[in-house]
Amino acid sequence: MIGKSSQRSYSSAFDQSKNQLKNVTELAWPTTPLTLTTDASGDGIGSVITNTEGKPVAFASKSFNAAER
């Protein structure tokens, strides 16, 4: 079981990541090789594709509905 302080920490980190993705004004041009990074929890899944410089090329996320949890 995760304590309340840990939940706040995870929530804060998630919110920071979300805000950074929202503020991406321009996606980078794709160059090979590309890197796919994914993460998931009981509530949703997310992914980002980055180029060789580590800049985002594309990203996606989805919140799970009750049937998918």
N, C-alpha and C. Protein backbone atom coordinates (compact mmCIF):
# COMPACT_ATOMS: atom_id res chain seq x y z
N MET A 1 0.84 -1.17 0.00
CA MET A 1 0.00 0.00 0.00
C MET A 1 0.89 1.24 0.00
N ILE A 2 0.51 2.23 -0.78
CA ILE A 2 1.27 3.46 -0.90
C ILE A 2 0.73 4.48 0.10
N GLY A 3 1.65 5.10 0.85
CA GLY A 3 1.25 6.11 1.81
C GLY A 3 0.81 7.40 1.13
N LYS A 4 0.13 8.26 1.88
CA LYS A 4 -0.38 9.51 1.30
C LYS A 4 0.73 10.41 0.78
N SER A 5 1.85 10.47 1.49
CA SER A 5 2.94 11.33 1.01
C SER A 5 3.51 10.80 -0.30
N SER A 6 3.59 9.48 -0.45
CA SER A 6 4.08 8.91 -1.70
C SER A 6 3.09 9.17 -2.83
N GLN A 7 1.80 9.07 -2.52
CA GLN A 7 0.79 9.35 -3.54
C GLN A 7 0.88 10.79 -4.02
N ARG A 8 1.10 11.72 -3.10
CA ARG A 8 1.25 13.13 -3.48
C ARG A 8 2.48 13.31 -4.35
N SER A 9 3.56 12.61 -4.01
CA SER A 9 4.80 12.71 -4.77
C SER A 9 4.59 12.19 -6.20
N TYR A 10 3.93 11.02 -6.32
CA TYR A 10 3.65 10.47 -7.64
C TYR A 10 2.72 11.38 -8.42
N SER A 11 1.71 11.91 -7.75
CA SER A 11 0.76 12.80 -8.39
C SER A 11 1.46 14.07 -8.87
N SER A 12 2.34 14.61 -8.05
CA SER A 12 3.08 15.81 -8.41
C SER A 12 3.99 15.54 -9.62
N ALA A 13 4.68 14.42 -9.61
CA ALA A 13 5.56 14.06 -10.73
C ALA A 13 4.75 13.88 -12.01
N PHE A 14 3.59 13.24 -11.89
CA PHE A 14 2.74 13.04 -13.05
C PHE A 14 2.25 14.38 -13.59
N ASP A 15 1.82 15.26 -12.69
CA ASP A 15 1.34 16.58 -13.12
C ASP A 15 2.46 17.37 -13.80
N GLN A 16 3.67 17.29 -13.29
CA GLN A 16 4.80 17.98 -13.91
C GLN A 16 5.06 17.44 -15.31
N SER A 17 5.02 16.12 -15.46
CA SER A 17 5.23 15.50 -16.77
C SER A 17 4.13 15.93 -17.74
N LYS A 18 2.91 15.92 -17.25
CA LYS A 18 1.77 16.30 -18.08
C LYS A 18 1.92 17.75 -18.56
N ASN A 19 2.29 18.64 -17.66
CA ASN A 19 2.47 20.04 -18.03
C ASN A 19 3.60 20.23 -19.03
N GLN A 20 4.67 19.47 -18.87
CA GLN A 20 5.78 19.58 -19.83
C GLN A 20 5.34 19.14 -21.22
N LEU A 21 4.56 18.07 -21.29
CA LEU A 21 4.07 17.61 -22.59
C LEU A 21 3.09 18.61 -23.20
N LYS A 22 2.26 19.21 -22.37
CA LYS A 22 1.31 20.21 -22.87
C LYS A 22 2.02 21.42 -23.43
N ASN A 23 3.18 21.75 -22.88
CA ASN A 23 3.90 22.95 -23.29
C ASN A 23 4.88 22.73 -24.43
N VAL A 24 4.91 21.54 -25.00
CA VAL A 24 5.77 21.30 -26.16
C VAL A 24 5.16 22.07 -27.33
N THR A 25 5.85 23.10 -27.77
CA THR A 25 5.30 23.93 -28.84
C THR A 25 5.61 23.37 -30.23
N GLU A 26 6.68 22.62 -30.31
CA GLU A 26 7.06 22.07 -31.60
C GLU A 26 7.71 20.71 -31.39
N LEU A 27 7.19 19.73 -32.09
CA LEU A 27 7.79 18.41 -32.00
C LEU A 27 9.02 18.36 -32.91
N ALA A 28 9.98 17.56 -32.52
CA ALA A 28 11.23 17.45 -33.29
C ALA A 28 11.01 16.62 -34.55
N TRP A 29 11.88 16.85 -35.51
CA TRP A 29 11.85 16.06 -36.73
C TRP A 29 12.36 14.66 -36.41
N PRO A 30 11.65 13.62 -36.88
CA PRO A 30 12.11 12.26 -36.57
C PRO A 30 13.41 11.91 -37.28
N THR A 31 14.33 11.39 -36.53
CA THR A 31 15.58 10.86 -37.08
C THR A 31 15.73 9.45 -36.52
N THR A 32 16.38 8.59 -37.25
CA THR A 32 16.54 7.23 -36.76
C THR A 32 17.86 7.10 -36.04
N PRO A 33 17.99 6.28 -35.04
CA PRO A 33 16.95 5.43 -34.49
C PRO A 33 16.04 6.23 -33.56
N LEU A 34 14.81 5.75 -33.42
CA LEU A 34 13.84 6.36 -32.52
C LEU A 34 13.74 5.51 -31.26
N THR A 35 13.35 6.13 -30.17
CA THR A 35 13.18 5.42 -28.90
C THR A 35 11.73 5.54 -28.46
N LEU A 36 11.13 4.42 -28.13
CA LEU A 36 9.76 4.39 -27.60
C LEU A 36 9.84 4.15 -26.10
N THR A 37 9.25 5.06 -25.32
CA THR A 37 9.21 4.93 -23.88
C THR A 37 7.75 4.86 -23.46
N THR A 38 7.41 3.88 -22.63
CA THR A 38 6.03 3.71 -22.20
C THR A 38 5.96 3.64 -20.68
N ASP A 39 4.78 3.91 -20.16
CA ASP A 39 4.52 3.79 -18.74
C ASP A 39 3.04 3.53 -18.56
N ALA A 40 2.71 2.76 -17.55
CA ALA A 40 1.30 2.43 -17.30
C ALA A 40 1.05 2.30 -15.81
N SER A 41 -0.19 2.49 -15.46
CA SER A 41 -0.63 2.29 -14.08
C SER A 41 -2.02 1.67 -14.15
N GLY A 42 -2.66 1.53 -13.03
CA GLY A 42 -4.01 1.00 -13.02
C GLY A 42 -5.02 1.98 -13.60
N ASP A 43 -4.61 3.23 -13.77
CA ASP A 43 -5.53 4.26 -14.26
C ASP A 43 -5.34 4.63 -15.73
N GLY A 44 -4.17 4.31 -16.31
CA GLY A 44 -3.96 4.71 -17.70
C GLY A 44 -2.60 4.29 -18.21
N ILE A 45 -2.33 4.69 -19.45
CA ILE A 45 -1.07 4.35 -20.12
C ILE A 45 -0.60 5.57 -20.92
N GLY A 46 0.69 5.69 -21.06
CA GLY A 46 1.25 6.78 -21.84
C GLY A 46 2.50 6.34 -22.56
N SER A 47 2.85 7.06 -23.62
CA SER A 47 4.05 6.73 -24.37
C SER A 47 4.59 7.98 -25.05
N VAL A 48 5.88 7.96 -25.31
CA VAL A 48 6.52 9.05 -26.05
C VAL A 48 7.57 8.43 -26.97
N ILE A 49 7.65 8.95 -28.18
CA ILE A 49 8.69 8.56 -29.13
C ILE A 49 9.66 9.73 -29.19
N THR A 50 10.94 9.46 -28.96
CA THR A 50 11.96 10.50 -29.00
C THR A 50 12.98 10.20 -30.09
N ASN A 51 13.62 11.26 -30.60
CA ASN A 51 14.66 11.06 -31.60
C ASN A 51 16.00 10.87 -30.91
N THR A 52 17.07 10.82 -31.67
CA THR A 52 18.40 10.55 -31.11
C THR A 52 18.88 11.64 -30.16
N GLU A 53 18.31 12.83 -30.26
CA GLU A 53 18.67 13.93 -29.36
C GLU A 53 17.83 13.92 -28.08
N GLY A 54 16.89 12.97 -27.98
CA GLY A 54 16.03 12.91 -26.81
C GLY A 54 14.84 13.86 -26.87
N LYS A 55 14.60 14.46 -28.03
CA LYS A 55 13.48 15.40 -28.18
C LYS A 55 12.24 14.62 -28.62
N PRO A 56 11.06 15.00 -28.12
CA PRO A 56 9.84 14.26 -28.46
C PRO A 56 9.45 14.43 -29.92
N VAL A 57 9.10 13.31 -30.53
CA VAL A 57 8.60 13.30 -31.91
C VAL A 57 7.09 13.12 -31.89
N ALA A 58 6.60 12.28 -30.99
CA ALA A 58 5.16 12.03 -30.84
C ALA A 58 4.91 11.51 -29.44
N PHE A 59 3.71 11.74 -28.94
CA PHE A 59 3.35 11.20 -27.65
C PHE A 59 1.86 10.94 -27.60
N ALA A 60 1.46 10.05 -26.69
CA ALA A 60 0.05 9.69 -26.56
C ALA A 60 -0.20 9.23 -25.13
N SER A 61 -1.44 9.37 -24.70
CA SER A 61 -1.83 8.85 -23.39
C SER A 61 -3.31 8.52 -23.42
N LYS A 62 -3.71 7.65 -22.53
CA LYS A 62 -5.10 7.23 -22.45
C LYS A 62 -5.43 6.87 -21.02
N SER A 63 -6.54 7.41 -20.53
CA SER A 63 -7.06 7.01 -19.23
C SER A 63 -7.94 5.78 -19.42
N PHE A 64 -7.82 4.83 -18.53
CA PHE A 64 -8.63 3.62 -18.63
C PHE A 64 -10.04 3.88 -18.11
N ASN A 65 -11.02 3.28 -18.77
CA ASN A 65 -12.37 3.31 -18.24
C ASN A 65 -12.53 2.14 -17.26
N ALA A 66 -13.66 2.02 -16.63
CA ALA A 66 -13.87 1.00 -15.59
C ALA A 66 -13.65 -0.41 -16.13
N ALA A 67 -14.05 -0.69 -17.35
CA ALA A 67 -13.89 -2.03 -17.92
C ALA A 67 -12.42 -2.36 -18.21
N GLU A 68 -11.60 -1.35 -18.46
CA GLU A 68 -10.20 -1.57 -18.79
C GLU A 68 -9.29 -1.64 -17.56
N ARG A 69 -9.80 -1.25 -16.40
CA ARG A 69 -8.98 -1.25 -15.18
C ARG A 69 -8.81 -2.62 -14.63
